[in-house]
Amino acid sequence: MEISDKLLCLFNADVRTEDDRYIVEIPRREVETGAIDPGETYRVALISREAHEAVESEPSGSATPSAEPQPPVEAGELRYVEIEDIGKQGDGIARVERGYVIIVPGTDVGERVKVEITEVKSNFAVGEVVEDDF
């Protein structure tokens, strides 16, 4: 699966029924951090969790080589993130633009925290919690 460089935000959400329509709620942090603006129209792509996990587990050599995009974060940057998974070492995992991973030690799935990016690599970053439950 290819993810566009135009991706503004990435989050998990449930689809719920309300009267004769279906609703996907956008987390407040996506508006507050400036990724999206209320009243604007956006294209929405829905990816099942199973499909997302299958893509992440593909070997890195299976894709055709291309220019590596730059990480969407910088050291010292503050970010609001939601912990989506727990890594093999027990650290919290958050995803931001283009599915880029931020590892946040000492957090649990579902926590929403403000982090300072302390280390940036091409395929992941490490963040330190500076504010709990924003």
C-alpha atoms as a PDB file:
ATOM      1  CA  MET A   1       0.000   0.000   0.000  1.00  0.00           C
ATOM      2  CA  GLU A   2       1.339   3.409  -0.913  1.00  0.00           C
ATOM      3  CA  ILE A   3       0.552   6.380   1.337  1.00  0.00           C
ATOM      4  CA  SER A   4       0.483   9.818  -0.234  1.00  0.00           C
ATOM      5  CA  ASP A   5       2.841  12.576   0.886  1.00  0.00           C
ATOM      6  CA  LYS A   6      -0.311  14.715   1.087  1.00  0.00           C
ATOM      7  CA  LEU A   7      -1.531  12.764   4.144  1.00  0.00           C
ATOM      8  CA  LEU A   8      -2.500  15.331   6.790  1.00  0.00           C
ATOM      9  CA  CYS A   9      -3.230  13.060   9.732  1.00  0.00           C
ATOM     10  CA  LEU A  10      -3.558   9.434  10.721  1.00  0.00           C
ATOM     11  CA  PHE A  11      -5.662   8.147  13.591  1.00  0.00           C
ATOM     12  CA  ASN A  12      -7.820   5.208  14.631  1.00  0.00           C
ATOM     13  CA  ALA A  13     -11.575   5.685  14.769  1.00  0.00           C
ATOM     14  CA  ASP A  14     -14.719   3.602  14.938  1.00  0.00           C
ATOM     15  CA  VAL A  15     -17.538   4.014  12.433  1.00  0.00           C
ATOM     16  CA  ARG A  16     -20.845   4.561  14.266  1.00  0.00           C
ATOM     17  CA  THR A  17     -24.433   4.797  13.108  1.00  0.00           C
ATOM     18  CA  GLU A  18     -26.502   7.939  13.689  1.00  0.00           C
ATOM     19  CA  ASP A  19     -30.003   8.038  12.191  1.00  0.00           C
ATOM     20  CA  ASP A  20     -29.588   7.312   8.460  1.00  0.00           C
ATOM     21  CA  ARG A  21     -25.841   7.961   8.191  1.00  0.00           C
ATOM     22  CA  TYR A  22     -22.499   6.674   9.420  1.00  0.00           C
ATOM     23  CA  ILE A  23     -20.091   8.848  11.424  1.00  0.00           C
ATOM     24  CA  VAL A  24     -16.276   8.783  11.739  1.00  0.00           C
ATOM     25  CA  GLU A  25     -15.166  11.264  14.391  1.00  0.00           C
ATOM     26  CA  ILE A  26     -11.947  13.217  13.953  1.00  0.00           C
ATOM     27  CA  PRO A  27      -9.958  13.608  17.182  1.00  0.00           C
ATOM     28  CA  ARG A  28      -9.869  17.160  18.550  1.00  0.00           C
ATOM     29  CA  ARG A  29      -6.051  17.120  18.521  1.00  0.00           C
ATOM     30  CA  GLU A  30      -6.036  16.944  14.698  1.00  0.00           C
ATOM     31  CA  VAL A  31      -7.834  20.290  14.551  1.00  0.00           C
ATOM     32  CA  GLU A  32      -5.955  21.834  17.487  1.00  0.00           C
ATOM     33  CA  THR A  33      -2.537  20.939  16.056  1.00  0.00           C
ATOM     34  CA  GLY A  34      -3.480  22.534  12.739  1.00  0.00           C
ATOM     35  CA  ALA A  35      -3.530  19.412  10.572  1.00  0.00           C
ATOM     36  CA  ILE A  36      -7.117  20.078   9.483  1.00  0.00           C
ATOM     37  CA  ASP A  37      -9.578  22.965   9.571  1.00  0.00           C
ATOM     38  CA  PRO A  38     -13.291  22.738  10.508  1.00  0.00           C
ATOM     39  CA  GLY A  39     -15.570  23.594   7.598  1.00  0.00           C
ATOM     40  CA  GLU A  40     -13.099  22.403   4.937  1.00  0.00           C
ATOM     41  CA  THR A  41     -13.693  19.352   2.738  1.00  0.00           C
ATOM     42  CA  TYR A  42     -11.187  16.497   2.777  1.00  0.00           C
ATOM     43  CA  ARG A  43     -10.799  13.165   1.023  1.00  0.00           C
ATOM     44  CA  VAL A  44     -11.034  10.271   3.470  1.00  0.00           C
ATOM     45  CA  ALA A  45      -9.479   6.826   3.114  1.00  0.00           C
ATOM     46  CA  LEU A  46     -10.511   4.035   5.454  1.00  0.00           C
ATOM     47  CA  ILE A  47      -8.054   1.206   6.059  1.00  0.00           C
ATOM     48  CA  SER A  48      -9.001  -1.856   8.074  1.00  0.00           C
ATOM     49  CA  ARG A  49      -6.709  -2.607  10.984  1.00  0.00           C
ATOM     50  CA  GLU A  50      -5.951  -6.037   9.466  1.00  0.00           C
ATOM     51  CA  ALA A  51      -4.862  -4.501   6.129  1.00  0.00           C
ATOM     52  CA  HIS A  52      -2.738  -1.900   7.953  1.00  0.00           C
ATOM     53  CA  GLU A  53      -0.977  -4.580  10.025  1.00  0.00           C
ATOM     54  CA  ALA A  54      -0.308  -6.707   6.915  1.00  0.00           C
ATOM     55  CA  VAL A  55       1.374  -3.782   5.148  1.00  0.00           C
ATOM     56  CA  GLU A  56       3.574  -3.015   8.162  1.00  0.00           C
ATOM     57  CA  SER A  57       4.780  -6.623   8.361  1.00  0.00           C
ATOM     58  CA  GLU A  58       5.950  -6.764   4.694  1.00  0.00           C
ATOM     59  CA  PRO A  59       9.722  -7.029   4.301  1.00  0.00           C
ATOM     60  CA  SER A  60      11.291  -3.688   3.461  1.00  0.00           C
ATOM     61  CA  GLY A  61      12.946  -5.113   0.351  1.00  0.00           C
ATOM     62  CA  SER A  62       9.591  -5.985  -1.239  1.00  0.00           C
ATOM     63  CA  ALA A  63       8.874  -2.443  -2.403  1.00  0.00           C
ATOM     64  CA  THR A  64      10.492  -0.885  -5.431  1.00  0.00           C
ATOM     65  CA  PRO A  65      13.295   1.499  -4.474  1.00  0.00           C
ATOM     66  CA  SER A  66      12.470   5.192  -4.474  1.00  0.00           C
ATOM     67  CA  ALA A  67      13.713   8.391  -2.913  1.00  0.00           C
ATOM     68  CA  GLU A  68      13.183   8.239   0.842  1.00  0.00           C
ATOM     69  CA  PRO A  69      10.917  10.999   2.127  1.00  0.00           C
ATOM     70  CA  GLN A  70      12.286  13.062   4.978  1.00  0.00           C
ATOM     71  CA  PRO A  71      10.953  12.345   8.486  1.00  0.00           C
ATOM     72  CA  PRO A  72       7.924  14.528   9.280  1.00  0.00           C
ATOM     73  CA  VAL A  73       9.362  15.487  12.695  1.00  0.00           C
ATOM     74  CA  GLU A  74      12.498  17.197  13.964  1.00  0.00           C
ATOM     75  CA  ALA A  75      14.453  16.844  17.204  1.00  0.00           C
ATOM     76  CA  GLY A  76      13.106  19.260  19.816  1.00  0.00           C
ATOM     77  CA  GLU A  77       9.671  19.465  18.177  1.00  0.00           C
ATOM     78  CA  LEU A  78       6.584  19.150  20.402  1.00  0.00           C
ATOM     79  CA  ARG A  79       3.788  16.878  19.181  1.00  0.00           C
ATOM     80  CA  TYR A  80       0.403  15.746  20.466  1.00  0.00           C
ATOM     81  CA  VAL A  81       0.018  12.022  19.816  1.00  0.00           C
ATOM     82  CA  GLU A  82      -2.228   9.099  20.692  1.00  0.00           C
ATOM     83  CA  ILE A  83      -0.578   5.801  21.564  1.00  0.00           C
ATOM     84  CA  GLU A  84      -1.957   3.175  19.170  1.00  0.00           C
ATOM     85  CA  ASP A  85       0.165   0.109  19.888  1.00  0.00           C
ATOM     86  CA  ILE A  86       2.843  -1.290  22.174  1.00  0.00           C
ATOM     87  CA  GLY A  87       6.188  -2.248  20.623  1.00  0.00           C
ATOM     88  CA  LYS A  88       8.184  -5.408  21.269  1.00  0.00           C
ATOM     89  CA  GLN A  89      10.191  -3.651  24.011  1.00  0.00           C
ATOM     90  CA  GLY A  90       7.005  -2.459  25.788  1.00  0.00           C
ATOM     91  CA  ASP A  91       7.171   1.152  24.560  1.00  0.00           C
ATOM     92  CA  GLY A  92       4.150   3.040  23.274  1.00  0.00           C
ATOM     93  CA  ILE A  93       3.842   3.503  19.510  1.00  0.00           C
ATOM     94  CA  ALA A  94       2.197   6.541  17.919  1.00  0.00           C
ATOM     95  CA  ARG A  95       1.875   7.250  14.202  1.00  0.00           C
ATOM     96  CA  VAL A  96       1.865  10.640  12.518  1.00  0.00           C
ATOM     97  CA  GLU A  97       2.060  11.789   8.881  1.00  0.00           C
ATOM     98  CA  ARG A  98       2.500   8.993   6.306  1.00  0.00           C
ATOM     99  CA  GLY A  99       2.377   6.435   9.137  1.00  0.00           C
ATOM    100  CA  TYR A 100       5.732   7.597  10.527  1.00  0.00           C
ATOM    101  CA  VAL A 101       6.309   5.982  13.938  1.00  0.00           C
ATOM    102  CA  ILE A 102       7.106   7.805  17.177  1.00  0.00           C
ATOM    103  CA  ILE A 103       8.208   5.542  20.036  1.00  0.00           C
ATOM    104  CA  VAL A 104       7.118   6.877  23.421  1.00  0.00           C
ATOM    105  CA  PRO A 105       8.523   4.949  26.423  1.00  0.00           C
ATOM    106  CA  GLY A 106       6.345   4.619  29.514  1.00  0.00           C
ATOM    107  CA  THR A 107       2.977   4.940  27.765  1.00  0.00           C
ATOM    108  CA  ASP A 108       0.003   2.647  27.181  1.00  0.00           C
ATOM    109  CA  VAL A 109      -2.421   2.138  24.299  1.00  0.00           C
ATOM    110  CA  GLY A 110      -5.099   4.839  24.222  1.00  0.00           C
ATOM    111  CA  GLU A 111      -3.074   7.462  26.087  1.00  0.00           C
ATOM    112  CA  ARG A 112      -2.990  10.929  24.546  1.00  0.00           C
ATOM    113  CA  VAL A 113       0.199  12.740  25.395  1.00  0.00           C
ATOM    114  CA  LYS A 114       2.285  15.734  24.406  1.00  0.00           C
ATOM    115  CA  VAL A 115       5.818  14.617  23.536  1.00  0.00           C
ATOM    116  CA  GLU A 116       9.113  16.278  22.772  1.00  0.00           C
ATOM    117  CA  ILE A 117      10.956  14.542  19.946  1.00  0.00           C
ATOM    118  CA  THR A 118      14.376  13.562  21.319  1.00  0.00           C
ATOM    119  CA  GLU A 119      15.768  11.396  18.505  1.00  0.00           C
ATOM    120  CA  VAL A 120      14.944  11.228  14.782  1.00  0.00           C
ATOM    121  CA  LYS A 121      15.818   8.368  12.421  1.00  0.00           C
ATOM    122  CA  SER A 122      14.713   7.819   8.829  1.00  0.00           C
ATOM    123  CA  ASN A 123      11.919   5.407   9.789  1.00  0.00           C
ATOM    124  CA  PHE A 124      11.072   6.309  13.399  1.00  0.00           C
ATOM    125  CA  ALA A 125      11.548   8.868  16.128  1.00  0.00           C
ATOM    126  CA  VAL A 126      11.666   8.717  19.916  1.00  0.00           C
ATOM    127  CA  GLY A 127       9.617  11.092  22.011  1.00  0.00           C
ATOM    128  CA  GLU A 128       9.599  11.917  25.725  1.00  0.00           C
ATOM    129  CA  VAL A 129       6.291  12.705  27.456  1.00  0.00           C
ATOM    130  CA  VAL A 130       6.074  16.328  28.563  1.00  0.00           C
ATOM    131  CA  GLU A 131       2.321  16.425  29.276  1.00  0.00           C
ATOM    132  CA  ASP A 132      -0.113  13.595  30.055  1.00  0.00           C
ATOM    133  CA  ASP A 133      -3.663  13.287  28.762  1.00  0.00           C
ATOM    134  CA  PHE A 134      -4.126  16.524  26.813  1.00  0.00           C
END
